[in-house]
Amino acid sequence: MQKTATCEQRIDESLARELDTLREFEACDWDVTSDGVEFDHHALSYEWSADAGRFVYLLSTGGPQTEFRFAVDMVGLYGQDLKLASITYHYLDWFDGAERELTGSDYELVQQIFDRYHVC
């Protein structure tokens, strides 16, 4: 019986695929890819998690579940403004999980999702 690869072993390839897809969306002005996929339908959801102080851009569920998490700091006199603190990619599969913090051009690419869709 062959052992299934861990999330840590699979995350980098998964992240690379997602970033390639997002680069294709960026190249077509965040509209529709050459395969006819609409950006607004790419993610399953984009939701605010107030208790965790983050937005989650959910890409897939079940096994594995993949998502980008946007950690934010509340700024301003009453915390009405959001400042993006970090972006991480999560690969989760049945009692296992791995994450990568985005940096550089990958961070800038995915930040465009946050800039486009977050609402205060």
PDB file of N, CA and C in Angstrom:
ATOM      1  N   MET A   1       0.843  -1.171   0.000  1.00  0.00           N
ATOM      2  CA  MET A   1       0.000   0.000   0.000  1.00  0.00           C
ATOM      3  C   MET A   1       0.900   1.250   0.000  1.00  0.00           C
ATOM      4  N   GLN A   2       0.646   2.140  -0.950  1.00  0.00           N
ATOM      5  CA  GLN A   2       1.457   3.338  -1.062  1.00  0.00           C
ATOM      6  C   GLN A   2       0.900   4.431  -0.145  1.00  0.00           C
ATOM      7  N   LYS A   3       1.796   5.076   0.591  1.00  0.00           N
ATOM      8  CA  LYS A   3       1.403   6.131   1.512  1.00  0.00           C
ATOM      9  C   LYS A   3       1.108   7.409   0.725  1.00  0.00           C
ATOM     10  N   THR A   4       0.027   8.087   1.094  1.00  0.00           N
ATOM     11  CA  THR A   4      -0.336   9.349   0.471  1.00  0.00           C
ATOM     12  C   THR A   4       0.648  10.430   0.891  1.00  0.00           C
ATOM     13  N   ALA A   5       1.006  11.284  -0.040  1.00  0.00           N
ATOM     14  CA  ALA A   5       1.923  12.390   0.265  1.00  0.00           C
ATOM     15  C   ALA A   5       1.282  13.337   1.266  1.00  0.00           C
ATOM     16  N   THR A   6       2.085  13.917   2.120  1.00  0.00           N
ATOM     17  CA  THR A   6       1.588  14.861   3.119  1.00  0.00           C
ATOM     18  C   THR A   6       1.277  16.205   2.460  1.00  0.00           C
ATOM     19  N   CYS A   7       0.557  17.035   3.186  1.00  0.00           N
ATOM     20  CA  CYS A   7       0.269  18.378   2.700  1.00  0.00           C
ATOM     21  C   CYS A   7       1.557  19.164   2.480  1.00  0.00           C
ATOM     22  N   GLU A   8       2.506  18.986   3.365  1.00  0.00           N
ATOM     23  CA  GLU A   8       3.790  19.675   3.232  1.00  0.00           C
ATOM     24  C   GLU A   8       4.478  19.275   1.925  1.00  0.00           C
ATOM     25  N   GLN A   9       4.319  18.036   1.513  1.00  0.00           N
ATOM     26  CA  GLN A   9       4.936  17.565   0.274  1.00  0.00           C
ATOM     27  C   GLN A   9       4.191  18.057  -0.965  1.00  0.00           C
ATOM     28  N   ARG A  10       2.911  18.390  -0.823  1.00  0.00           N
ATOM     29  CA  ARG A  10       2.090  18.763  -1.975  1.00  0.00           C
ATOM     30  C   ARG A  10       1.852  20.263  -2.128  1.00  0.00           C
ATOM     31  N   ILE A  11       2.098  21.051  -1.098  1.00  0.00           N
ATOM     32  CA  ILE A  11       1.682  22.448  -1.108  1.00  0.00           C
ATOM     33  C   ILE A  11       2.375  23.295  -2.182  1.00  0.00           C
ATOM     34  N   ASP A  12       3.650  23.115  -2.393  1.00  0.00           N
ATOM     35  CA  ASP A  12       4.369  23.976  -3.335  1.00  0.00           C
ATOM     36  C   ASP A  12       3.843  23.843  -4.762  1.00  0.00           C
ATOM     37  N   GLU A  13       3.570  22.623  -5.185  1.00  0.00           N
ATOM     38  CA  GLU A  13       3.006  22.404  -6.521  1.00  0.00           C
ATOM     39  C   GLU A  13       1.602  23.003  -6.625  1.00  0.00           C
ATOM     40  N   SER A  14       0.811  22.842  -5.586  1.00  0.00           N
ATOM     41  CA  SER A  14      -0.537  23.397  -5.577  1.00  0.00           C
ATOM     42  C   SER A  14      -0.505  24.923  -5.631  1.00  0.00           C
ATOM     43  N   LEU A  15       0.357  25.526  -4.830  1.00  0.00           N
ATOM     44  CA  LEU A  15       0.487  26.979  -4.818  1.00  0.00           C
ATOM     45  C   LEU A  15       0.940  27.486  -6.187  1.00  0.00           C
ATOM     46  N   ALA A  16       1.886  26.825  -6.800  1.00  0.00           N
ATOM     47  CA  ALA A  16       2.371  27.231  -8.127  1.00  0.00           C
ATOM     48  C   ALA A  16       1.239  27.221  -9.152  1.00  0.00           C
ATOM     49  N   ARG A  17       0.383  26.185  -9.113  1.00  0.00           N
ATOM     50  CA  ARG A  17      -0.764  26.108 -10.029  1.00  0.00           C
ATOM     51  C   ARG A  17      -1.715  27.282  -9.809  1.00  0.00           C
ATOM     52  N   GLU A  18      -2.017  27.575  -8.539  1.00  0.00           N
ATOM     53  CA  GLU A  18      -2.937  28.682  -8.242  1.00  0.00           C
ATOM     54  C   GLU A  18      -2.356  30.022  -8.683  1.00  0.00           C
ATOM     55  N   LEU A  19      -1.059  30.221  -8.450  1.00  0.00           N
ATOM     56  CA  LEU A  19      -0.428  31.471  -8.867  1.00  0.00           C
ATOM     57  C   LEU A  19      -0.420  31.597 -10.387  1.00  0.00           C
ATOM     58  N   ASP A  20      -0.198  30.502 -11.100  1.00  0.00           N
ATOM     59  CA  ASP A  20      -0.257  30.536 -12.568  1.00  0.00           C
ATOM     60  C   ASP A  20      -1.646  30.942 -13.051  1.00  0.00           C
ATOM     61  N   THR A  21      -2.671  30.390 -12.424  1.00  0.00           N
ATOM     62  CA  THR A  21      -4.045  30.756 -12.784  1.00  0.00           C
ATOM     63  C   THR A  21      -4.293  32.232 -12.519  1.00  0.00           C
ATOM     64  N   LEU A  22      -3.841  32.727 -11.364  1.00  0.00           N
ATOM     65  CA  LEU A  22      -4.040  34.139 -11.050  1.00  0.00           C
ATOM     66  C   LEU A  22      -3.270  35.047 -11.997  1.00  0.00           C
ATOM     67  N   ARG A  23      -2.094  34.629 -12.430  1.00  0.00           N
ATOM     68  CA  ARG A  23      -1.338  35.425 -13.407  1.00  0.00           C
ATOM     69  C   ARG A  23      -2.086  35.503 -14.739  1.00  0.00           C
ATOM     70  N   GLU A  24      -2.773  34.421 -15.095  1.00  0.00           N
ATOM     71  CA  GLU A  24      -3.572  34.444 -16.318  1.00  0.00           C
ATOM     72  C   GLU A  24      -4.743  35.418 -16.165  1.00  0.00           C
ATOM     73  N   PHE A  25      -5.379  35.418 -15.001  1.00  0.00           N
ATOM     74  CA  PHE A  25      -6.448  36.396 -14.749  1.00  0.00           C
ATOM     75  C   PHE A  25      -5.912  37.817 -14.821  1.00  0.00           C
ATOM     76  N   GLU A  26      -4.746  38.036 -14.222  1.00  0.00           N
ATOM     77  CA  GLU A  26      -4.145  39.372 -14.226  1.00  0.00           C
ATOM     78  C   GLU A  26      -3.859  39.822 -15.658  1.00  0.00           C
ATOM     79  N   ALA A  27      -3.377  38.895 -16.500  1.00  0.00           N
ATOM     80  CA  ALA A  27      -3.043  39.210 -17.890  1.00  0.00           C
ATOM     81  C   ALA A  27      -4.277  39.612 -18.698  1.00  0.00           C
ATOM     82  N   CYS A  28      -5.439  39.142 -18.290  1.00  0.00           N
ATOM     83  CA  CYS A  28      -6.680  39.497 -19.010  1.00  0.00           C
ATOM     84  C   CYS A  28      -7.522  40.461 -18.188  1.00  0.00           C
ATOM     85  N   ASP A  29      -6.848  41.299 -17.400  1.00  0.00           N
ATOM     86  CA  ASP A  29      -7.486  42.357 -16.611  1.00  0.00           C
ATOM     87  C   ASP A  29      -8.528  41.814 -15.630  1.00  0.00           C
ATOM     88  N   TRP A  30      -8.224  40.662 -15.031  1.00  0.00           N
ATOM     89  CA  TRP A  30      -9.067  40.046 -13.991  1.00  0.00           C
ATOM     90  C   TRP A  30     -10.485  39.784 -14.483  1.00  0.00           C
ATOM     91  N   ASP A  31     -10.596  39.389 -15.742  1.00  0.00           N
ATOM     92  CA  ASP A  31     -11.924  39.159 -16.308  1.00  0.00           C
ATOM     93  C   ASP A  31     -12.154  37.668 -16.565  1.00  0.00           C
ATOM     94  N   VAL A  32     -11.751  37.180 -17.727  1.00  0.00           N
ATOM     95  CA  VAL A  32     -12.002  35.791 -18.113  1.00  0.00           C
ATOM     96  C   VAL A  32     -10.712  35.202 -18.683  1.00  0.00           C
ATOM     97  N   THR A  33     -10.356  33.998 -18.263  1.00  0.00           N
ATOM     98  CA  THR A  33      -9.155  33.343 -18.779  1.00  0.00           C
ATOM     99  C   THR A  33      -9.404  32.820 -20.188  1.00  0.00           C
ATOM    100  N   SER A  34      -8.343  32.357 -20.820  1.00  0.00           N
ATOM    101  CA  SER A  34      -8.472  31.788 -22.162  1.00  0.00           C
ATOM    102  C   SER A  34      -9.324  30.521 -22.148  1.00  0.00           C
ATOM    103  N   ASP A  35      -9.455  29.898 -20.965  1.00  0.00           N
ATOM    104  CA  ASP A  35     -10.310  28.709 -20.848  1.00  0.00           C
ATOM    105  C   ASP A  35     -11.767  29.066 -20.575  1.00  0.00           C
ATOM    106  N   GLY A  36     -12.068  30.365 -20.504  1.00  0.00           N
ATOM    107  CA  GLY A  36     -13.445  30.802 -20.273  1.00  0.00           C
ATOM    108  C   GLY A  36     -13.845  30.864 -18.812  1.00  0.00           C
ATOM    109  N   VAL A  37     -12.889  30.769 -17.897  1.00  0.00           N
ATOM    110  CA  VAL A  37     -13.202  30.832 -16.474  1.00  0.00           C
ATOM    111  C   VAL A  37     -13.278  32.300 -16.056  1.00  0.00           C
ATOM    112  N   GLU A  38     -14.378  32.689 -15.418  1.00  0.00           N
ATOM    113  CA  GLU A  38     -14.537  34.055 -14.941  1.00  0.00           C
ATOM    114  C   GLU A  38     -13.892  34.200 -13.577  1.00  0.00           C
ATOM    115  N   PHE A  39     -13.173  35.308 -13.372  1.00  0.00           N
ATOM    116  CA  PHE A  39     -12.503  35.518 -12.095  1.00  0.00           C
ATOM    117  C   PHE A  39     -13.489  35.504 -10.939  1.00  0.00           C
ATOM    118  N   ASP A  40     -14.638  36.142 -11.097  1.00  0.00           N
ATOM    119  CA  ASP A  40     -15.613  36.208 -10.009  1.00  0.00           C
ATOM    120  C   ASP A  40     -16.139  34.836  -9.607  1.00  0.00           C
ATOM    121  N   HIS A  41     -15.951  33.828 -10.450  1.00  0.00           N
ATOM    122  CA  HIS A  41     -16.396  32.468 -10.129  1.00  0.00           C
ATOM    123  C   HIS A  41     -15.226  31.534  -9.838  1.00  0.00           C
ATOM    124  N   HIS A  42     -14.019  32.083  -9.778  1.00  0.00           N
ATOM    125  CA  HIS A  42     -12.830  31.254  -9.525  1.00  0.00           C
ATOM    126  C   HIS A  42     -12.836  30.704  -8.099  1.00  0.00           C
ATOM    127  N   ALA A  43     -13.181  31.538  -7.149  1.00  0.00           N
ATOM    128  CA  ALA A  43     -13.193  31.108  -5.738  1.00  0.00           C
ATOM    129  C   ALA A  43     -14.585  30.645  -5.339  1.00  0.00           C
ATOM    130  N   LEU A  44     -14.621  29.748  -4.376  1.00  0.00           N
ATOM    131  CA  LEU A  44     -15.909  29.306  -3.849  1.00  0.00           C
ATOM    132  C   LEU A  44     -16.527  30.375  -2.963  1.00  0.00           C
ATOM    133  N   SER A  45     -15.673  31.126  -2.250  1.00  0.00           N
ATOM    134  CA  SER A  45     -16.178  32.207  -1.410  1.00  0.00           C
ATOM    135  C   SER A  45     -15.048  33.157  -1.053  1.00  0.00           C
ATOM    136  N   TYR A  46     -15.440  34.324  -0.606  1.00  0.00           N
ATOM    137  CA  TYR A  46     -14.497  35.322  -0.101  1.00  0.00           C
ATOM    138  C   TYR A  46     -15.184  35.934   1.099  1.00  0.00           C
ATOM    139  N   GLU A  47     -14.752  35.562   2.298  1.00  0.00           N
ATOM    140  CA  GLU A  47     -15.491  35.938   3.503  1.00  0.00           C
ATOM    141  C   GLU A  47     -14.582  36.508   4.577  1.00  0.00           C
ATOM    142  N   TRP A  48     -15.181  37.374   5.382  1.00  0.00           N
ATOM    143  CA  TRP A  48     -14.520  37.980   6.529  1.00  0.00           C
ATOM    144  C   TRP A  48     -14.722  37.085   7.737  1.00  0.00           C
ATOM    145  N   SER A  49     -13.645  36.788   8.445  1.00  0.00           N
ATOM    146  CA  SER A  49     -13.719  36.031   9.690  1.00  0.00           C
ATOM    147  C   SER A  49     -13.323  36.979  10.818  1.00  0.00           C
ATOM    148  N   ALA A  50     -14.310  37.606  11.427  1.00  0.00           N
ATOM    149  CA  ALA A  50     -14.058  38.645  12.431  1.00  0.00           C
ATOM    150  C   ALA A  50     -13.278  38.113  13.627  1.00  0.00           C
ATOM    151  N   ASP A  51     -13.597  36.899  14.078  1.00  0.00           N
ATOM    152  CA  ASP A  51     -12.904  36.359  15.247  1.00  0.00           C
ATOM    153  C   ASP A  51     -11.423  36.110  14.965  1.00  0.00           C
ATOM    154  N   ALA A  52     -11.084  35.840  13.718  1.00  0.00           N
ATOM    155  CA  ALA A  52      -9.691  35.578  13.367  1.00  0.00           C
ATOM    156  C   ALA A  52      -8.992  36.808  12.794  1.00  0.00           C
ATOM    157  N   GLY A  53      -9.741  37.865  12.489  1.00  0.00           N
ATOM    158  CA  GLY A  53      -9.151  39.069  11.914  1.00  0.00           C
ATOM    159  C   GLY A  53      -8.554  38.845  10.542  1.00  0.00           C
ATOM    160  N   ARG A  54      -9.298  38.138   9.691  1.00  0.00           N
ATOM    161  CA  ARG A  54      -8.773  37.855   8.360  1.00  0.00           C
ATOM    162  C   ARG A  54      -9.900  37.646   7.349  1.00  0.00           C
ATOM    163  N   PHE A  55      -9.542  37.821   6.095  1.00  0.00           N
ATOM    164  CA  PHE A  55     -10.389  37.438   4.974  1.00  0.00           C
ATOM    165  C   PHE A  55      -9.869  36.110   4.456  1.00  0.00           C
ATOM    166  N   VAL A  56     -10.778  35.264   3.986  1.00  0.00           N
ATOM    167  CA  VAL A  56     -10.386  33.974   3.416  1.00  0.00           C
ATOM    168  C   VAL A  56     -10.929  33.902   1.991  1.00  0.00           C
ATOM    169  N   TYR A  57     -10.031  33.639   1.049  1.00  0.00           N
ATOM    170  CA  TYR A  57     -10.375  33.444  -0.355  1.00  0.00           C
ATOM    171  C   TYR A  57     -10.307  31.942  -0.597  1.00  0.00           C
ATOM    172  N   LEU A  58     -11.463  31.276  -0.502  1.00  0.00           N
ATOM    173  CA  LEU A  58     -11.552  29.814  -0.540  1.00  0.00           C
ATOM    174  C   LEU A  58     -11.576  29.322  -1.984  1.00  0.00           C
ATOM    175  N   LEU A  59     -10.618  28.471  -2.321  1.00  0.00           N
ATOM    176  CA  LEU A  59     -10.487  27.972  -3.683  1.00  0.00           C
ATOM    177  C   LEU A  59     -11.094  26.590  -3.873  1.00  0.00           C
ATOM    178  N   SER A  60     -10.948  25.712  -2.882  1.00  0.00           N
ATOM    179  CA  SER A  60     -11.504  24.359  -2.992  1.00  0.00           C
ATOM    180  C   SER A  60     -11.767  23.809  -1.599  1.00  0.00           C
ATOM    181  N   THR A  61     -12.667  22.838  -1.528  1.00  0.00           N
ATOM    182  CA  THR A  61     -12.985  22.195  -0.251  1.00  0.00           C
ATOM    183  C   THR A  61     -12.971  20.688  -0.429  1.00  0.00           C
ATOM    184  N   GLY A  62     -13.118  20.003   0.685  1.00  0.00           N
ATOM    185  CA  GLY A  62     -13.274  18.560   0.648  1.00  0.00           C
ATOM    186  C   GLY A  62     -12.005  17.829   0.957  1.00  0.00           C
ATOM    187  N   GLY A  63     -11.150  17.746   0.062  1.00  0.00           N
ATOM    188  CA  GLY A  63      -9.883  17.059   0.235  1.00  0.00           C
ATOM    189  C   GLY A  63      -9.126  17.119  -1.066  1.00  0.00           C
ATOM    190  N   PRO A  64      -8.229  18.030  -1.153  1.00  0.00           N
ATOM    191  CA  PRO A  64      -7.823  19.017  -0.148  1.00  0.00           C
ATOM    192  C   PRO A  64      -8.660  20.295  -0.199  1.00  0.00           C
ATOM    193  N   GLN A  65      -8.507  21.076   0.835  1.00  0.00           N
ATOM    194  CA  GLN A  65      -9.074  22.424   0.861  1.00  0.00           C
ATOM    195  C   GLN A  65      -7.905  23.381   0.658  1.00  0.00           C
ATOM    196  N   THR A  66      -8.084  24.328  -0.250  1.00  0.00           N
ATOM    197  CA  THR A  66      -7.028  25.313  -0.505  1.00  0.00           C
ATOM    198  C   THR A  66      -7.615  26.704  -0.380  1.00  0.00           C
ATOM    199  N   GLU A  67      -6.805  27.625   0.159  1.00  0.00           N
ATOM    200  CA  GLU A  67      -7.302  28.982   0.366  1.00  0.00           C
ATOM    201  C   GLU A  67      -6.141  29.941   0.589  1.00  0.00           C
ATOM    202  N   PHE A  68      -6.408  31.202   0.258  1.00  0.00           N
ATOM    203  CA  PHE A  68      -5.515  32.283   0.637  1.00  0.00           C
ATOM    204  C   PHE A  68      -6.132  32.956   1.850  1.00  0.00           C
ATOM    205  N   ARG A  69      -5.317  33.270   2.838  1.00  0.00           N
ATOM    206  CA  ARG A  69      -5.785  33.992   4.019  1.00  0.00           C
ATOM    207  C   ARG A  69      -5.085  35.345   4.072  1.00  0.00           C
ATOM    208  N   PHE A  70      -5.896  36.377   4.213  1.00  0.00           N
ATOM    209  CA  PHE A  70      -5.400  37.741   4.288  1.00  0.00           C
ATOM    210  C   PHE A  70      -5.542  38.220   5.730  1.00  0.00           C
ATOM    211  N   ALA A  71      -4.450  38.261   6.463  1.00  0.00           N
ATOM    212  CA  ALA A  71      -4.484  38.747   7.848  1.00  0.00           C
ATOM    213  C   ALA A  71      -4.446  40.270   7.803  1.00  0.00           C
ATOM    214  N   VAL A  72      -5.313  40.893   8.596  1.00  0.00           N
ATOM    215  CA  VAL A  72      -5.400  42.349   8.572  1.00  0.00           C
ATOM    216  C   VAL A  72      -5.273  42.925   9.975  1.00  0.00           C
ATOM    217  N   ASP A  73      -4.792  44.157  10.017  1.00  0.00           N
ATOM    218  CA  ASP A  73      -4.778  44.948  11.240  1.00  0.00           C
ATOM    219  C   ASP A  73      -5.838  46.015  11.081  1.00  0.00           C
ATOM    220  N   MET A  74      -6.597  46.222  12.139  1.00  0.00           N
ATOM    221  CA  MET A  74      -7.595  47.293  12.138  1.00  0.00           C
ATOM    222  C   MET A  74      -6.877  48.568  12.555  1.00  0.00           C
ATOM    223  N   VAL A  75      -6.967  49.603  11.740  1.00  0.00           N
ATOM    224  CA  VAL A  75      -6.306  50.867  12.038  1.00  0.00           C
ATOM    225  C   VAL A  75      -7.320  52.003  11.972  1.00  0.00           C
ATOM    226  N   GLY A  76      -6.903  53.152  12.428  1.00  0.00           N
ATOM    227  CA  GLY A  76      -7.806  54.291  12.473  1.00  0.00           C
ATOM    228  C   GLY A  76      -8.354  54.439  13.876  1.00  0.00           C
ATOM    229  N   LEU A  77      -8.924  55.580  14.135  1.00  0.00           N
ATOM    230  CA  LEU A  77      -9.426  55.891  15.472  1.00  0.00           C
ATOM    231  C   LEU A  77     -10.397  54.831  15.989  1.00  0.00           C
ATOM    232  N   TYR A  78     -11.255  54.332  15.121  1.00  0.00           N
ATOM    233  CA  TYR A  78     -12.251  53.338  15.537  1.00  0.00           C
ATOM    234  C   TYR A  78     -12.033  51.987  14.852  1.00  0.00           C
ATOM    235  N   GLY A  79     -10.852  51.759  14.313  1.00  0.00           N
ATOM    236  CA  GLY A  79     -10.571  50.487  13.646  1.00  0.00           C
ATOM    237  C   GLY A  79     -11.324  50.317  12.351  1.00  0.00           C
ATOM    238  N   GLN A  80     -11.706  51.430  11.729  1.00  0.00           N
ATOM    239  CA  GLN A  80     -12.540  51.352  10.533  1.00  0.00           C
ATOM    240  C   GLN A  80     -11.736  51.055   9.260  1.00  0.00           C
ATOM    241  N   ASP A  81     -10.436  51.222   9.309  1.00  0.00           N
ATOM    242  CA  ASP A  81      -9.612  50.961   8.136  1.00  0.00           C
ATOM    243  C   ASP A  81      -8.852  49.655   8.316  1.00  0.00           C
ATOM    244  N   LEU A  82      -8.616  48.990   7.213  1.00  0.00           N
ATOM    245  CA  LEU A  82      -7.908  47.716   7.246  1.00  0.00           C
ATOM    246  C   LEU A  82      -6.540  47.872   6.612  1.00  0.00           C
ATOM    247  N   LYS A  83      -5.534  47.344   7.267  1.00  0.00           N
ATOM    248  CA  LYS A  83      -4.183  47.312   6.725  1.00  0.00           C
ATOM    249  C   LYS A  83      -3.791  45.851   6.573  1.00  0.00           C
ATOM    250  N   LEU A  84      -3.422  45.474   5.373  1.00  0.00           N
ATOM    251  CA  LEU A  84      -3.037  44.094   5.105  1.00  0.00           C
ATOM    252  C   LEU A  84      -1.728  43.785   5.809  1.00  0.00           C
ATOM    253  N   ALA A  85      -1.728  42.767   6.669  1.00  0.00           N
ATOM    254  CA  ALA A  85      -0.543  42.408   7.456  1.00  0.00           C
ATOM    255  C   ALA A  85       0.250  41.279   6.806  1.00  0.00           C
ATOM    256  N   SER A  86      -0.447  40.278   6.260  1.00  0.00           N
ATOM    257  CA  SER A  86       0.237  39.158   5.606  1.00  0.00           C
ATOM    258  C   SER A  86      -0.757  38.384   4.750  1.00  0.00           C
ATOM    259  N   ILE A  87      -0.202  37.623   3.818  1.00  0.00           N
ATOM    260  CA  ILE A  87      -1.008  36.720   2.982  1.00  0.00           C
ATOM    261  C   ILE A  87      -0.362  35.344   3.068  1.00  0.00           C
ATOM    262  N   THR A  88      -1.175  34.340   3.398  1.00  0.00           N
ATOM    263  CA  THR A  88      -0.675  32.971   3.433  1.00  0.00           C
ATOM    264  C   THR A  88      -1.563  32.082   2.568  1.00  0.00           C
ATOM    265  N   TYR A  89      -0.956  31.041   2.030  1.00  0.00           N
ATOM    266  CA  TYR A  89      -1.672  30.028   1.260  1.00  0.00           C
ATOM    267  C   TYR A  89      -1.738  28.779   2.118  1.00  0.00           C
ATOM    268  N   HIS A  90      -2.930  28.183   2.210  1.00  0.00           N
ATOM    269  CA  HIS A  90      -3.124  27.002   3.063  1.00  0.00           C
ATOM    270  C   HIS A  90      -3.601  25.823   2.218  1.00  0.00           C
ATOM    271  N   TYR A  91      -3.011  24.681   2.494  1.00  0.00           N
ATOM    272  CA  TYR A  91      -3.353  23.422   1.848  1.00  0.00           C
ATOM    273  C   TYR A  91      -3.715  22.459   2.976  1.00  0.00           C
ATOM    274  N   LEU A  92      -4.995  22.106   3.053  1.00  0.00           N
ATOM    275  CA  LEU A  92      -5.508  21.337   4.190  1.00  0.00           C
ATOM    276  C   LEU A  92      -6.174  20.054   3.695  1.00  0.00           C
ATOM    277  N   ASP A  93      -5.837  18.950   4.339  1.00  0.00           N
ATOM    278  CA  ASP A  93      -6.410  17.679   3.911  1.00  0.00           C
ATOM    279  C   ASP A  93      -6.496  16.713   5.089  1.00  0.00           C
ATOM    280  N   TRP A  94      -7.686  16.505   5.601  1.00  0.00           N
ATOM    281  CA  TRP A  94      -7.975  15.501   6.616  1.00  0.00           C
ATOM    282  C   TRP A  94      -6.882  15.331   7.676  1.00  0.00           C
ATOM    283  N   PHE A  95      -6.925  16.158   8.677  1.00  0.00           N
ATOM    284  CA  PHE A  95      -6.034  16.090   9.838  1.00  0.00           C
ATOM    285  C   PHE A  95      -4.576  16.418   9.502  1.00  0.00           C
ATOM    286  N   ASP A  96      -4.368  17.058   8.381  1.00  0.00           N
ATOM    287  CA  ASP A  96      -3.032  17.464   7.963  1.00  0.00           C
ATOM    288  C   ASP A  96      -3.163  18.840   7.323  1.00  0.00           C
ATOM    289  N   GLY A  97      -2.107  19.604   7.328  1.00  0.00           N
ATOM    290  CA  GLY A  97      -2.150  20.913   6.710  1.00  0.00           C
ATOM    291  C   GLY A  97      -0.762  21.510   6.571  1.00  0.00           C
ATOM    292  N   ALA A  98      -0.649  22.432   5.644  1.00  0.00           N
ATOM    293  CA  ALA A  98       0.604  23.146   5.440  1.00  0.00           C
ATOM    294  C   ALA A  98       0.258  24.555   4.988  1.00  0.00           C
ATOM    295  N   GLU A  99       1.183  25.476   5.212  1.00  0.00           N
ATOM    296  CA  GLU A  99       0.967  26.852   4.771  1.00  0.00           C
ATOM    297  C   GLU A  99       2.266  27.464   4.290  1.00  0.00           C
ATOM    298  N   ARG A 100       2.100  28.471   3.428  1.00  0.00           N
ATOM    299  CA  ARG A 100       3.232  29.233   2.933  1.00  0.00           C
ATOM    300  C   ARG A 100       2.865  30.712   3.029  1.00  0.00           C
ATOM    301  N   GLU A 101       3.786  31.499   3.561  1.00  0.00           N
ATOM    302  CA  GLU A 101       3.584  32.947   3.558  1.00  0.00           C
ATOM    303  C   GLU A 101       4.084  33.486   2.224  1.00  0.00           C
ATOM    304  N   LEU A 102       3.279  34.331   1.589  1.00  0.00           N
ATOM    305  CA  LEU A 102       3.653  34.877   0.306  1.00  0.00           C
ATOM    306  C   LEU A 102       4.554  36.097   0.478  1.00  0.00           C
ATOM    307  N   THR A 103       5.486  36.243  -0.443  1.00  0.00           N
ATOM    308  CA  THR A 103       6.410  37.377  -0.445  1.00  0.00           C
ATOM    309  C   THR A 103       6.631  37.819  -1.887  1.00  0.00           C
ATOM    310  N   GLY A 104       7.245  38.982  -2.039  1.00  0.00           N
ATOM    311  CA  GLY A 104       7.662  39.463  -3.349  1.00  0.00           C
ATOM    312  C   GLY A 104       6.536  39.578  -4.357  1.00  0.00           C
ATOM    313  N   SER A 105       6.816  39.143  -5.582  1.00  0.00           N
ATOM    314  CA  SER A 105       5.832  39.282  -6.667  1.00  0.00           C
ATOM    315  C   SER A 105       4.599  38.412  -6.440  1.00  0.00           C
ATOM    316  N   ASP A 106       4.764  37.276  -5.756  1.00  0.00           N
ATOM    317  CA  ASP A 106       3.587  36.442  -5.442  1.00  0.00           C
ATOM    318  C   ASP A 106       2.651  37.198  -4.504  1.00  0.00           C
ATOM    319  N   TYR A 107       3.220  37.854  -3.502  1.00  0.00           N
ATOM    320  CA  TYR A 107       2.434  38.662  -2.562  1.00  0.00           C
ATOM    321  C   TYR A 107       1.705  39.774  -3.321  1.00  0.00           C
ATOM    322  N   GLU A 108       2.425  40.476  -4.184  1.00  0.00           N
ATOM    323  CA  GLU A 108       1.830  41.592  -4.928  1.00  0.00           C
ATOM    324  C   GLU A 108       0.697  41.122  -5.834  1.00  0.00           C
ATOM    325  N   LEU A 109       0.870  39.952  -6.437  1.00  0.00           N
ATOM    326  CA  LEU A 109      -0.172  39.396  -7.300  1.00  0.00           C
ATOM    327  C   LEU A 109      -1.443  39.116  -6.506  1.00  0.00           C
ATOM    328  N   VAL A 110      -1.299  38.393  -5.409  1.00  0.00           N
ATOM    329  CA  VAL A 110      -2.470  37.986  -4.624  1.00  0.00           C
ATOM    330  C   VAL A 110      -3.059  39.179  -3.866  1.00  0.00           C
ATOM    331  N   GLN A 111      -2.241  40.168  -3.556  1.00  0.00           N
ATOM    332  CA  GLN A 111      -2.741  41.372  -2.895  1.00  0.00           C
ATOM    333  C   GLN A 111      -3.817  42.053  -3.750  1.00  0.00           C
ATOM    334  N   GLN A 112      -3.729  41.897  -5.055  1.00  0.00           N
ATOM    335  CA  GLN A 112      -4.723  42.494  -5.942  1.00  0.00           C
ATOM    336  C   GLN A 112      -6.123  41.942  -5.675  1.00  0.00           C
ATOM    337  N   ILE A 113      -6.208  40.689  -5.239  1.00  0.00           N
ATOM    338  CA  ILE A 113      -7.510  40.118  -4.879  1.00  0.00           C
ATOM    339  C   ILE A 113      -8.062  40.856  -3.667  1.00  0.00           C
ATOM    340  N   PHE A 114      -7.221  41.030  -2.665  1.00  0.00           N
ATOM    341  CA  PHE A 114      -7.632  41.760  -1.460  1.00  0.00           C
ATOM    342  C   PHE A 114      -8.054  43.177  -1.819  1.00  0.00           C
ATOM    343  N   ASP A 115      -7.243  43.861  -2.600  1.00  0.00           N
ATOM    344  CA  ASP A 115      -7.548  45.239  -2.973  1.00  0.00           C
ATOM    345  C   ASP A 115      -8.849  45.340  -3.762  1.00  0.00           C
ATOM    346  N   ARG A 116      -9.133  44.318  -4.534  1.00  0.00           N
ATOM    347  CA  ARG A 116     -10.334  44.323  -5.391  1.00  0.00           C
ATOM    348  C   ARG A 116     -11.613  43.982  -4.611  1.00  0.00           C
ATOM    349  N   TYR A 117     -11.512  43.075  -3.637  1.00  0.00           N
ATOM    350  CA  TYR A 117     -12.727  42.530  -3.037  1.00  0.00           C
ATOM    351  C   TYR A 117     -12.993  42.832  -1.574  1.00  0.00           C
ATOM    352  N   HIS A 118     -12.029  43.315  -0.826  1.00  0.00           N
ATOM    353  CA  HIS A 118     -12.341  43.544   0.578  1.00  0.00           C
ATOM    354  C   HIS A 118     -13.245  44.762   0.725  1.00  0.00           C
ATOM    355  N   VAL A 119     -14.107  44.696   1.722  1.00  0.00           N
ATOM    356  CA  VAL A 119     -15.019  45.787   2.020  1.00  0.00           C
ATOM    357  C   VAL A 119     -14.923  46.112   3.494  1.00  0.00           C
ATOM    358  N   CYS A 120     -14.855  47.369   3.805  1.00  0.00           N
ATOM    359  CA  CYS A 120     -14.752  47.776   5.210  1.00  0.00           C
ATOM    360  C   CYS A 120     -16.137  47.943   5.792  1.00  0.00           C
TER     361      CYS A 120
END
